[in-house]
Amino acid sequence: RQKPADARLNQRGQQLVGMQFTLDSALVNGRGHMRVGDSSWPVIADEDLSAGTKVEVVAVEGITLRIRTLSR
């Protein structure tokens, strides 16, 4: 019997849900980009965030990562 394939195997964005990062650049109007490894991902948040803010990926909307600030 074969093991079922991981449904997230070819969905890199889904693999990032739950991971934590630090923003390299500020979000303006709740939108911007975030560095993940050697890639840059479009991100969206409910508020503007400054560079250096620690965030968590909470969802993927198309090719955009939805993020939120981590509790301090």
Protein backbone atom coordinates (compact mmCIF):
# COMPACT_ATOMS: atom_id res chain seq x y z
CA ARG A 1 0.00 0.00 0.00
CA GLN A 2 1.16 3.48 -0.82
CA LYS A 3 1.04 6.29 1.67
CA PRO A 4 -1.33 9.09 0.64
CA ALA A 5 0.52 12.03 -0.88
CA ASP A 6 0.81 15.11 1.26
CA ALA A 7 -1.87 17.43 -0.12
CA ARG A 8 0.43 20.41 0.49
CA LEU A 9 3.44 18.94 -1.30
CA ASN A 10 3.23 21.22 -4.34
CA GLN A 11 1.51 24.10 -2.58
CA ARG A 12 4.40 26.03 -1.09
CA GLY A 13 2.14 28.73 0.33
CA GLN A 14 0.16 26.18 2.36
CA GLN A 15 3.42 24.83 3.78
CA LEU A 16 4.15 28.30 5.18
CA VAL A 17 0.95 28.55 7.26
CA GLY A 18 1.89 28.70 10.93
CA MET A 19 5.48 29.77 10.27
CA GLN A 20 6.90 32.93 11.81
CA PHE A 21 8.98 35.60 10.08
CA THR A 22 10.32 39.12 10.59
CA LEU A 23 9.30 41.74 8.04
CA ASP A 24 12.20 43.25 6.10
CA SER A 25 10.08 46.13 4.80
CA ALA A 26 6.98 47.97 5.99
CA LEU A 27 3.45 47.17 4.84
CA VAL A 28 1.53 50.14 3.48
CA ASN A 29 -2.28 49.95 3.39
CA GLY A 30 -1.84 46.44 4.84
CA ARG A 31 0.03 45.22 1.74
CA GLY A 32 3.61 44.52 0.85
CA HIS A 33 6.15 41.75 0.28
CA MET A 34 7.99 39.47 2.66
CA ARG A 35 11.20 37.54 2.15
CA VAL A 36 10.87 33.78 2.64
CA GLY A 37 14.15 32.02 2.00
CA ASP A 38 15.27 33.11 -1.46
CA SER A 39 11.76 34.15 -2.55
CA SER A 40 9.64 37.25 -2.11
CA TRP A 41 5.95 36.69 -1.37
CA PRO A 42 3.12 39.21 -1.56
CA VAL A 43 1.54 39.63 1.88
CA ILE A 44 -1.59 41.20 3.29
CA ALA A 45 -2.47 42.15 6.86
CA ASP A 46 -5.35 43.92 8.60
CA GLU A 47 -3.10 46.89 9.39
CA ASP A 48 0.05 48.68 8.37
CA LEU A 49 3.14 47.06 9.88
CA SER A 50 6.66 48.41 10.20
CA ALA A 51 9.86 46.68 9.15
CA GLY A 52 11.16 44.44 11.93
CA THR A 53 7.67 43.33 13.03
CA LYS A 54 7.47 39.64 13.90
CA VAL A 55 4.57 38.01 12.04
CA GLU A 56 2.92 34.64 11.53
CA VAL A 57 1.42 33.33 8.30
CA VAL A 58 -2.23 32.49 9.04
CA ALA A 59 -3.64 31.75 5.56
CA VAL A 60 -2.95 31.73 1.85
CA GLU A 61 -5.24 33.66 -0.50
CA GLY A 62 -4.28 32.76 -4.05
CA ILE A 63 -0.55 33.56 -4.15
CA THR A 64 -0.76 36.06 -1.29
CA LEU A 65 0.13 35.20 2.31
CA ARG A 66 -2.17 36.59 5.00
CA ILE A 67 -0.15 37.50 8.07
CA ARG A 68 -0.76 38.77 11.58
CA THR A 69 1.52 40.20 14.22
CA LEU A 70 2.68 37.89 16.94
CA SER A 71 1.59 38.59 20.50
CA ARG A 72 4.19 40.49 22.43
